[in-house]
Structure formats: C-alpha cells, structure tokens
Amino acid sequence: MPANPESASPNMGYPADSYTVAITGTGLADVTACSFGPGITVLDTRIVNDGKIMVNIQIASDAPNRSNTVTVIDQGGGAVVPGGFDILQPQ
C-alpha cells in the first residue's frame, strides 16, 4: 500500500529549535525517508506502525518565515503531508 499521510503534529516551529513530529495516515510502515523542505534538517525517522511515524527535525537558526512542503518517501515515490510545516519567527 502506498504511503498516504494525513497530518503532521506539531505542524509549526521556530528557528534554532528541535521538534519530534508525529505524521499519521495509512501505509506509513514502508516509509524510508522524510523531507521537510528548506531550512529544516531531518535527524531521524522512526516507524511506530502502519499509521504513524515519528520524525526528529532541527530548524536552522537562520530559517526564514515560510510554509514548507513535507514529503514522506517510500519505494513507490513520495506523498505530500497536507498542511506541511510552517516556520514561524519569534515575536
């Protein structure tokens, strides 16, 4: 079954911070990698079960305020997580 991500939580964060993001959906057991776009480094990806993966990320200290596309990658290609991940600037 191809990966079908439905959401990411949290789906926003601040520069220079690290987060553990839960991605939920179906067909996630075969995910081999994740991409959170420019300014975000994926540190590791852990499969919990077919419906959930945990991704540790680090946002660069100089990351601009933007909305990034989040993609999960499996043998069949990539699938986009609805809503993506927003980089916010501290107030």
PDB file of N, CA and C in Angstrom:
ATOM      1  N   MET A   1       0.849  -1.177   0.000  1.00  0.00           N
ATOM      2  CA  MET A   1       0.000   0.000   0.000  1.00  0.00           C
ATOM      3  C   MET A   1       0.900   1.248   0.000  1.00  0.00           C
ATOM      4  N   PRO A   2       0.656   2.177  -0.898  1.00  0.00           N
ATOM      5  CA  PRO A   2       1.474   3.401  -0.913  1.00  0.00           C
ATOM      6  C   PRO A   2       1.181   4.267   0.313  1.00  0.00           C
ATOM      7  N   ALA A   3       2.176   5.047   0.691  1.00  0.00           N
ATOM      8  CA  ALA A   3       2.025   5.952   1.833  1.00  0.00           C
ATOM      9  C   ALA A   3       0.942   6.988   1.549  1.00  0.00           C
ATOM     10  N   ASN A   4       0.092   7.203   2.542  1.00  0.00           N
ATOM     11  CA  ASN A   4      -0.965   8.205   2.447  1.00  0.00           C
ATOM     12  C   ASN A   4      -0.981   9.004   3.752  1.00  0.00           C
ATOM     13  N   PRO A   5      -0.067   9.991   3.881  1.00  0.00           N
ATOM     14  CA  PRO A   5      -0.028  10.788   5.101  1.00  0.00           C
ATOM     15  C   PRO A   5      -1.226  11.721   5.174  1.00  0.00           C
ATOM     16  N   GLU A   6      -1.745  11.906   6.389  1.00  0.00           N
ATOM     17  CA  GLU A   6      -2.925  12.748   6.572  1.00  0.00           C
ATOM     18  C   GLU A   6      -2.654  14.005   7.387  1.00  0.00           C
ATOM     19  N   SER A   7      -1.688  13.936   8.322  1.00  0.00           N
ATOM     20  CA  SER A   7      -1.405  15.119   9.132  1.00  0.00           C
ATOM     21  C   SER A   7      -0.039  15.022   9.788  1.00  0.00           C
ATOM     22  N   ALA A   8       0.474  16.182  10.212  1.00  0.00           N
ATOM     23  CA  ALA A   8       1.716  16.281  10.971  1.00  0.00           C
ATOM     24  C   ALA A   8       1.435  17.114  12.212  1.00  0.00           C
ATOM     25  N   SER A   9       1.967  16.656  13.363  1.00  0.00           N
ATOM     26  CA  SER A   9       1.761  17.389  14.606  1.00  0.00           C
ATOM     27  C   SER A   9       3.010  17.299  15.472  1.00  0.00           C
ATOM     28  N   PRO A  10       3.610  18.418  15.853  1.00  0.00           N
ATOM     29  CA  PRO A  10       3.175  19.768  15.516  1.00  0.00           C
ATOM     30  C   PRO A  10       3.436  20.049  14.041  1.00  0.00           C
ATOM     31  N   ASN A  11       2.788  21.077  13.527  1.00  0.00           N
ATOM     32  CA  ASN A  11       2.981  21.441  12.118  1.00  0.00           C
ATOM     33  C   ASN A  11       3.562  22.845  11.986  1.00  0.00           C
ATOM     34  N   MET A  12       4.192  23.322  13.065  1.00  0.00           N
ATOM     35  CA  MET A  12       4.861  24.625  13.024  1.00  0.00           C
ATOM     36  C   MET A  12       5.961  24.647  14.073  1.00  0.00           C
ATOM     37  N   GLY A  13       6.943  25.524  13.856  1.00  0.00           N
ATOM     38  CA  GLY A  13       8.034  25.641  14.814  1.00  0.00           C
ATOM     39  C   GLY A  13       8.861  26.882  14.560  1.00  0.00           C
ATOM     40  N   TYR A  14       9.865  27.090  15.420  1.00  0.00           N
ATOM     41  CA  TYR A  14      10.687  28.302  15.397  1.00  0.00           C
ATOM     42  C   TYR A  14      12.140  27.986  15.057  1.00  0.00           C
ATOM     43  N   PRO A  15      12.827  28.934  14.407  1.00  0.00           N
ATOM     44  CA  PRO A  15      14.234  28.738  14.089  1.00  0.00           C
ATOM     45  C   PRO A  15      15.056  28.363  15.323  1.00  0.00           C
ATOM     46  N   ALA A  16      16.054  27.528  15.116  1.00  0.00           N
ATOM     47  CA  ALA A  16      17.015  27.065  16.119  1.00  0.00           C
ATOM     48  C   ALA A  16      16.400  26.072  17.110  1.00  0.00           C
ATOM     49  N   ASP A  17      15.167  25.635  16.898  1.00  0.00           N
ATOM     50  CA  ASP A  17      14.533  24.660  17.786  1.00  0.00           C
ATOM     51  C   ASP A  17      14.479  23.283  17.130  1.00  0.00           C
ATOM     52  N   SER A  18      14.383  22.260  17.981  1.00  0.00           N
ATOM     53  CA  SER A  18      14.209  20.880  17.535  1.00  0.00           C
ATOM     54  C   SER A  18      12.814  20.410  17.923  1.00  0.00           C
ATOM     55  N   TYR A  19      12.262  19.528  17.110  1.00  0.00           N
ATOM     56  CA  TYR A  19      10.919  19.014  17.360  1.00  0.00           C
ATOM     57  C   TYR A  19      10.860  17.538  17.004  1.00  0.00           C
ATOM     58  N   THR A  20       9.959  16.827  17.675  1.00  0.00           N
ATOM     59  CA  THR A  20       9.590  15.481  17.261  1.00  0.00           C
ATOM     60  C   THR A  20       8.188  15.601  16.681  1.00  0.00           C
ATOM     61  N   VAL A  21       8.081  15.305  15.401  1.00  0.00           N
ATOM     62  CA  VAL A  21       6.825  15.465  14.666  1.00  0.00           C
ATOM     63  C   VAL A  21       6.206  14.093  14.421  1.00  0.00           C
ATOM     64  N   ALA A  22       4.937  13.957  14.793  1.00  0.00           N
ATOM     65  CA  ALA A  22       4.189  12.736  14.508  1.00  0.00           C
ATOM     66  C   ALA A  22       3.452  12.922  13.188  1.00  0.00           C
ATOM     67  N   ILE A  23       3.715  12.039  12.245  1.00  0.00           N
ATOM     68  CA  ILE A  23       2.986  12.037  10.983  1.00  0.00           C
ATOM     69  C   ILE A  23       2.060  10.826  11.021  1.00  0.00           C
ATOM     70  N   THR A  24       0.771  11.078  10.807  1.00  0.00           N
ATOM     71  CA  THR A  24      -0.210   9.994  10.829  1.00  0.00           C
ATOM     72  C   THR A  24      -0.853   9.844   9.460  1.00  0.00           C
ATOM     73  N   GLY A  25      -1.383   8.664   9.223  1.00  0.00           N
ATOM     74  CA  GLY A  25      -2.033   8.364   7.954  1.00  0.00           C
ATOM     75  C   GLY A  25      -2.158   6.859   7.801  1.00  0.00           C
ATOM     76  N   THR A  26      -2.016   6.373   6.574  1.00  0.00           N
ATOM     77  CA  THR A  26      -2.053   4.941   6.308  1.00  0.00           C
ATOM     78  C   THR A  26      -0.890   4.584   5.392  1.00  0.00           C
ATOM     79  N   GLY A  27      -0.480   3.336   5.421  1.00  0.00           N
ATOM     80  CA  GLY A  27       0.598   2.874   4.556  1.00  0.00           C
ATOM     81  C   GLY A  27       1.954   3.456   4.895  1.00  0.00           C
ATOM     82  N   LEU A  28       2.172   3.834   6.156  1.00  0.00           N
ATOM     83  CA  LEU A  28       3.423   4.504   6.529  1.00  0.00           C
ATOM     84  C   LEU A  28       4.533   3.537   6.949  1.00  0.00           C
ATOM     85  N   ALA A  29       4.228   2.248   7.057  1.00  0.00           N
ATOM     86  CA  ALA A  29       5.215   1.273   7.523  1.00  0.00           C
ATOM     87  C   ALA A  29       6.410   1.133   6.589  1.00  0.00           C
ATOM     88  N   ASP A  30       6.252   1.489   5.320  1.00  0.00           N
ATOM     89  CA  ASP A  30       7.345   1.343   4.357  1.00  0.00           C
ATOM     90  C   ASP A  30       8.046   2.662   4.041  1.00  0.00           C
ATOM     91  N   VAL A  31       7.775   3.703   4.817  1.00  0.00           N
ATOM     92  CA  VAL A  31       8.436   4.992   4.595  1.00  0.00           C
ATOM     93  C   VAL A  31       9.925   4.838   4.895  1.00  0.00           C
ATOM     94  N   THR A  32      10.756   5.307   3.976  1.00  0.00           N
ATOM     95  CA  THR A  32      12.212   5.210   4.141  1.00  0.00           C
ATOM     96  C   THR A  32      12.855   6.542   4.476  1.00  0.00           C
ATOM     97  N   ALA A  33      12.158   7.652   4.225  1.00  0.00           N
ATOM     98  CA  ALA A  33      12.727   8.969   4.494  1.00  0.00           C
ATOM     99  C   ALA A  33      11.617  10.010   4.495  1.00  0.00           C
ATOM    100  N   CYS A  34      11.940  11.177   5.031  1.00  0.00           N
ATOM    101  CA  CYS A  34      11.028  12.318   5.034  1.00  0.00           C
ATOM    102  C   CYS A  34      11.808  13.563   4.655  1.00  0.00           C
ATOM    103  N   SER A  35      11.124  14.502   4.039  1.00  0.00           N
ATOM    104  CA  SER A  35      11.707  15.802   3.709  1.00  0.00           C
ATOM    105  C   SER A  35      10.790  16.887   4.251  1.00  0.00           C
ATOM    106  N   PHE A  36      11.377  17.858   4.959  1.00  0.00           N
ATOM    107  CA  PHE A  36      10.607  18.969   5.495  1.00  0.00           C
ATOM    108  C   PHE A  36      10.922  20.275   4.776  1.00  0.00           C
ATOM    109  N   GLY A  37      11.690  20.230   3.693  1.00  0.00           N
ATOM    110  CA  GLY A  37      11.957  21.412   2.899  1.00  0.00           C
ATOM    111  C   GLY A  37      13.124  22.250   3.403  1.00  0.00           C
ATOM    112  N   PRO A  38      13.348  23.395   2.752  1.00  0.00           N
ATOM    113  CA  PRO A  38      14.492  24.243   3.062  1.00  0.00           C
ATOM    114  C   PRO A  38      14.478  24.741   4.504  1.00  0.00           C
ATOM    115  N   GLY A  39      15.661  24.745   5.115  1.00  0.00           N
ATOM    116  CA  GLY A  39      15.806  25.272   6.460  1.00  0.00           C
ATOM    117  C   GLY A  39      15.501  24.278   7.563  1.00  0.00           C
ATOM    118  N   ILE A  40      15.112  23.044   7.192  1.00  0.00           N
ATOM    119  CA  ILE A  40      14.785  22.025   8.200  1.00  0.00           C
ATOM    120  C   ILE A  40      15.565  20.754   7.888  1.00  0.00           C
ATOM    121  N   THR A  41      16.320  20.282   8.886  1.00  0.00           N
ATOM    122  CA  THR A  41      17.081  19.046   8.754  1.00  0.00           C
ATOM    123  C   THR A  41      16.335  17.924   9.458  1.00  0.00           C
ATOM    124  N   VAL A  42      16.154  16.811   8.744  1.00  0.00           N
ATOM    125  CA  VAL A  42      15.564  15.615   9.352  1.00  0.00           C
ATOM    126  C   VAL A  42      16.701  14.852  10.024  1.00  0.00           C
ATOM    127  N   LEU A  43      16.600  14.686  11.338  1.00  0.00           N
ATOM    128  CA  LEU A  43      17.638  13.995  12.103  1.00  0.00           C
ATOM    129  C   LEU A  43      17.436  12.487  12.091  1.00  0.00           C
ATOM    130  N   ASP A  44      16.201  12.040  12.235  1.00  0.00           N
ATOM    131  CA  ASP A  44      15.892  10.620  12.093  1.00  0.00           C
ATOM    132  C   ASP A  44      14.390  10.417  11.942  1.00  0.00           C
ATOM    133  N   THR A  45      14.061   9.241  11.422  1.00  0.00           N
ATOM    134  CA  THR A  45      12.669   8.863  11.194  1.00  0.00           C
ATOM    135  C   THR A  45      12.458   7.490  11.818  1.00  0.00           C
ATOM    136  N   ARG A  46      11.412   7.358  12.630  1.00  0.00           N
ATOM    137  CA  ARG A  46      11.122   6.084  13.292  1.00  0.00           C
ATOM    138  C   ARG A  46       9.686   5.668  12.968  1.00  0.00           C
ATOM    139  N   ILE A  47       9.542   4.473  12.439  1.00  0.00           N
ATOM    140  CA  ILE A  47       8.213   3.946  12.145  1.00  0.00           C
ATOM    141  C   ILE A  47       7.635   3.368  13.433  1.00  0.00           C
ATOM    142  N   VAL A  48       6.464   3.847  13.827  1.00  0.00           N
ATOM    143  CA  VAL A  48       5.770   3.332  15.003  1.00  0.00           C
ATOM    144  C   VAL A  48       4.879   2.171  14.584  1.00  0.00           C
ATOM    145  N   ASN A  49       4.091   2.386  13.537  1.00  0.00           N
ATOM    146  CA  ASN A  49       3.236   1.346  12.968  1.00  0.00           C
ATOM    147  C   ASN A  49       2.782   1.826  11.597  1.00  0.00           C
ATOM    148  N   ASP A  50       1.874   1.107  10.971  1.00  0.00           N
ATOM    149  CA  ASP A  50       1.434   1.456   9.619  1.00  0.00           C
ATOM    150  C   ASP A  50       0.750   2.821   9.557  1.00  0.00           C
ATOM    151  N   GLY A  51       0.262   3.302  10.695  1.00  0.00           N
ATOM    152  CA  GLY A  51      -0.470   4.567  10.714  1.00  0.00           C
ATOM    153  C   GLY A  51       0.262   5.734  11.329  1.00  0.00           C
ATOM    154  N   LYS A  52       1.537   5.518  11.765  1.00  0.00           N
ATOM    155  CA  LYS A  52       2.230   6.618  12.450  1.00  0.00           C
ATOM    156  C   LYS A  52       3.742   6.481  12.336  1.00  0.00           C
ATOM    157  N   ILE A  53       4.391   7.606  12.025  1.00  0.00           N
ATOM    158  CA  ILE A  53       5.849   7.686  12.090  1.00  0.00           C
ATOM    159  C   ILE A  53       6.218   8.909  12.925  1.00  0.00           C
ATOM    160  N   MET A  54       7.381   8.841  13.568  1.00  0.00           N
ATOM    161  CA  MET A  54       7.898   9.947  14.361  1.00  0.00           C
ATOM    162  C   MET A  54       9.164  10.454  13.685  1.00  0.00           C
ATOM    163  N   VAL A  55       9.238  11.767  13.486  1.00  0.00           N
ATOM    164  CA  VAL A  55      10.368  12.364  12.776  1.00  0.00           C
ATOM    165  C   VAL A  55      10.985  13.442  13.666  1.00  0.00           C
ATOM    166  N   ASN A  56      12.279  13.309  13.935  1.00  0.00           N
ATOM    167  CA  ASN A  56      13.000  14.334  14.688  1.00  0.00           C
ATOM    168  C   ASN A  56      13.610  15.314  13.704  1.00  0.00           C
ATOM    169  N   ILE A  57      13.316  16.605  13.912  1.00  0.00           N
ATOM    170  CA  ILE A  57      13.806  17.640  12.997  1.00  0.00           C
ATOM    171  C   ILE A  57      14.516  18.749  13.774  1.00  0.00           C
ATOM    172  N   GLN A  58      15.364  19.479  13.062  1.00  0.00           N
ATOM    173  CA  GLN A  58      16.042  20.664  13.594  1.00  0.00           C
ATOM    174  C   GLN A  58      15.826  21.787  12.591  1.00  0.00           C
ATOM    175  N   ILE A  59      15.319  22.921  13.077  1.00  0.00           N
ATOM    176  CA  ILE A  59      15.126  24.083  12.205  1.00  0.00           C
ATOM    177  C   ILE A  59      16.371  24.955  12.307  1.00  0.00           C
ATOM    178  N   ALA A  60      16.909  25.357  11.171  1.00  0.00           N
ATOM    179  CA  ALA A  60      18.111  26.195  11.144  1.00  0.00           C
ATOM    180  C   ALA A  60      17.856  27.522  11.842  1.00  0.00           C
ATOM    181  N   SER A  61      18.892  28.049  12.470  1.00  0.00           N
ATOM    182  CA  SER A  61      18.753  29.316  13.200  1.00  0.00           C
ATOM    183  C   SER A  61      18.437  30.486  12.270  1.00  0.00           C
ATOM    184  N   ASP A  62      18.820  30.371  11.006  1.00  0.00           N
ATOM    185  CA  ASP A  62      18.569  31.452  10.047  1.00  0.00           C
ATOM    186  C   ASP A  62      17.416  31.139   9.091  1.00  0.00           C
ATOM    187  N   ALA A  63      16.592  30.141   9.439  1.00  0.00           N
ATOM    188  CA  ALA A  63      15.470  29.770   8.570  1.00  0.00           C
ATOM    189  C   ALA A  63      14.459  30.914   8.495  1.00  0.00           C
ATOM    190  N   PRO A  64      14.037  31.275   7.279  1.00  0.00           N
ATOM    191  CA  PRO A  64      13.073  32.364   7.134  1.00  0.00           C
ATOM    192  C   PRO A  64      11.645  31.914   7.465  1.00  0.00           C
ATOM    193  N   ASN A  65      10.798  32.870   7.706  1.00  0.00           N
ATOM    194  CA  ASN A  65       9.374  32.623   7.925  1.00  0.00           C
ATOM    195  C   ASN A  65       8.793  32.103   6.611  1.00  0.00           C
ATOM    196  N   ARG A  66       8.270  30.857   6.620  1.00  0.00           N
ATOM    197  CA  ARG A  66       7.746  30.280   5.389  1.00  0.00           C
ATOM    198  C   ARG A  66       6.952  29.019   5.681  1.00  0.00           C
ATOM    199  N   SER A  67       6.185  28.596   4.701  1.00  0.00           N
ATOM    200  CA  SER A  67       5.480  27.318   4.754  1.00  0.00           C
ATOM    201  C   SER A  67       6.238  26.324   3.890  1.00  0.00           C
ATOM    202  N   ASN A  68       6.619  25.201   4.472  1.00  0.00           N
ATOM    203  CA  ASN A  68       7.358  24.175   3.748  1.00  0.00           C
ATOM    204  C   ASN A  68       6.459  22.985   3.430  1.00  0.00           C
ATOM    205  N   THR A  69       6.714  22.369   2.296  1.00  0.00           N
ATOM    206  CA  THR A  69       6.052  21.120   1.937  1.00  0.00           C
ATOM    207  C   THR A  69       6.751  19.983   2.663  1.00  0.00           C
ATOM    208  N   VAL A  70       5.975  19.101   3.273  1.00  0.00           N
ATOM    209  CA  VAL A  70       6.514  17.916   3.930  1.00  0.00           C
ATOM    210  C   VAL A  70       6.169  16.708   3.064  1.00  0.00           C
ATOM    211  N   THR A  71       7.194  15.896   2.765  1.00  0.00           N
ATOM    212  CA  THR A  71       7.013  14.729   1.914  1.00  0.00           C
ATOM    213  C   THR A  71       7.515  13.483   2.622  1.00  0.00           C
ATOM    214  N   VAL A  72       6.726  12.417   2.581  1.00  0.00           N
ATOM    215  CA  VAL A  72       7.193  11.109   3.036  1.00  0.00           C
ATOM    216  C   VAL A  72       7.544  10.303   1.794  1.00  0.00           C
ATOM    217  N   ILE A  73       8.626   9.543   1.882  1.00  0.00           N
ATOM    218  CA  ILE A  73       9.149   8.831   0.722  1.00  0.00           C
ATOM    219  C   ILE A  73       9.155   7.336   1.015  1.00  0.00           C
ATOM    220  N   ASP A  74       8.609   6.568   0.071  1.00  0.00           N
ATOM    221  CA  ASP A  74       8.661   5.112   0.165  1.00  0.00           C
ATOM    222  C   ASP A  74       9.102   4.566  -1.183  1.00  0.00           C
ATOM    223  N   GLN A  75       9.045   3.260  -1.362  1.00  0.00           N
ATOM    224  CA  GLN A  75       9.510   2.647  -2.607  1.00  0.00           C
ATOM    225  C   GLN A  75       8.750   3.126  -3.825  1.00  0.00           C
ATOM    226  N   GLY A  76       7.504   3.543  -3.632  1.00  0.00           N
ATOM    227  CA  GLY A  76       6.685   3.987  -4.754  1.00  0.00           C
ATOM    228  C   GLY A  76       6.855   5.457  -5.106  1.00  0.00           C
ATOM    229  N   GLY A  77       7.655   6.176  -4.343  1.00  0.00           N
ATOM    230  CA  GLY A  77       7.852   7.599  -4.610  1.00  0.00           C
ATOM    231  C   GLY A  77       7.580   8.414  -3.362  1.00  0.00           C
ATOM    232  N   GLY A  78       6.961   9.561  -3.542  1.00  0.00           N
ATOM    233  CA  GLY A  78       6.700  10.450  -2.416  1.00  0.00           C
ATOM    234  C   GLY A  78       5.241  10.837  -2.326  1.00  0.00           C
ATOM    235  N   ALA A  79       4.828  11.174  -1.110  1.00  0.00           N
ATOM    236  CA  ALA A  79       3.471  11.651  -0.875  1.00  0.00           C
ATOM    237  C   ALA A  79       3.553  12.869   0.037  1.00  0.00           C
ATOM    238  N   VAL A  80       2.779  13.885  -0.277  1.00  0.00           N
ATOM    239  CA  VAL A  80       2.817  15.148   0.457  1.00  0.00           C
ATOM    240  C   VAL A  80       1.880  15.092   1.660  1.00  0.00           C
ATOM    241  N   VAL A  81       2.380  15.592   2.789  1.00  0.00           N
ATOM    242  CA  VAL A  81       1.573  15.688   4.003  1.00  0.00           C
ATOM    243  C   VAL A  81       0.716  16.949   3.899  1.00  0.00           C
ATOM    244  N   PRO A  82      -0.615  16.835   3.981  1.00  0.00           N
ATOM    245  CA  PRO A  82      -1.467  18.024   3.896  1.00  0.00           C
ATOM    246  C   PRO A  82      -1.107  19.041   4.981  1.00  0.00           C
ATOM    247  N   GLY A  83      -1.049  20.300   4.595  1.00  0.00           N
ATOM    248  CA  GLY A  83      -0.761  21.365   5.560  1.00  0.00           C
ATOM    249  C   GLY A  83       0.699  21.690   5.724  1.00  0.00           C
ATOM    250  N   GLY A  84       1.583  20.739   5.445  1.00  0.00           N
ATOM    251  CA  GLY A  84       3.003  20.995   5.523  1.00  0.00           C
ATOM    252  C   GLY A  84       3.488  21.351   6.917  1.00  0.00           C
ATOM    253  N   PHE A  85       4.554  22.174   6.969  1.00  0.00           N
ATOM    254  CA  PHE A  85       5.154  22.612   8.224  1.00  0.00           C
ATOM    255  C   PHE A  85       5.551  24.071   8.067  1.00  0.00           C
ATOM    256  N   ASP A  86       5.086  24.898   8.999  1.00  0.00           N
ATOM    257  CA  ASP A  86       5.357  26.344   8.944  1.00  0.00           C
ATOM    258  C   ASP A  86       6.500  26.711   9.868  1.00  0.00           C
ATOM    259  N   ILE A  87       7.435  27.500   9.346  1.00  0.00           N
ATOM    260  CA  ILE A  87       8.491  28.083  10.160  1.00  0.00           C
ATOM    261  C   ILE A  87       8.031  29.472  10.546  1.00  0.00           C
ATOM    262  N   LEU A  88       7.942  29.708  11.850  1.00  0.00           N
ATOM    263  CA  LEU A  88       7.474  30.987  12.378  1.00  0.00           C
ATOM    264  C   LEU A  88       8.648  31.780  12.937  1.00  0.00           C
ATOM    265  N   GLN A  89       8.511  33.086  13.000  1.00  0.00           N
ATOM    266  CA  GLN A  89       9.526  33.930  13.607  1.00  0.00           C
ATOM    267  C   GLN A  89       9.068  34.323  15.004  1.00  0.00           C
ATOM    268  N   PRO A  90       9.980  34.308  15.973  1.00  0.00           N
ATOM    269  CA  PRO A  90       9.604  34.712  17.332  1.00  0.00           C
ATOM    270  C   PRO A  90       9.072  36.149  17.331  1.00  0.00           C
ATOM    271  N   GLN A  91       8.131  36.418  18.181  1.00  0.00           N
ATOM    272  CA  GLN A  91       7.535  37.769  18.271  1.00  0.00           C
ATOM    273  C   GLN A  91       8.377  38.648  19.156  1.00  0.00           C
TER     274      GLN A  91
END
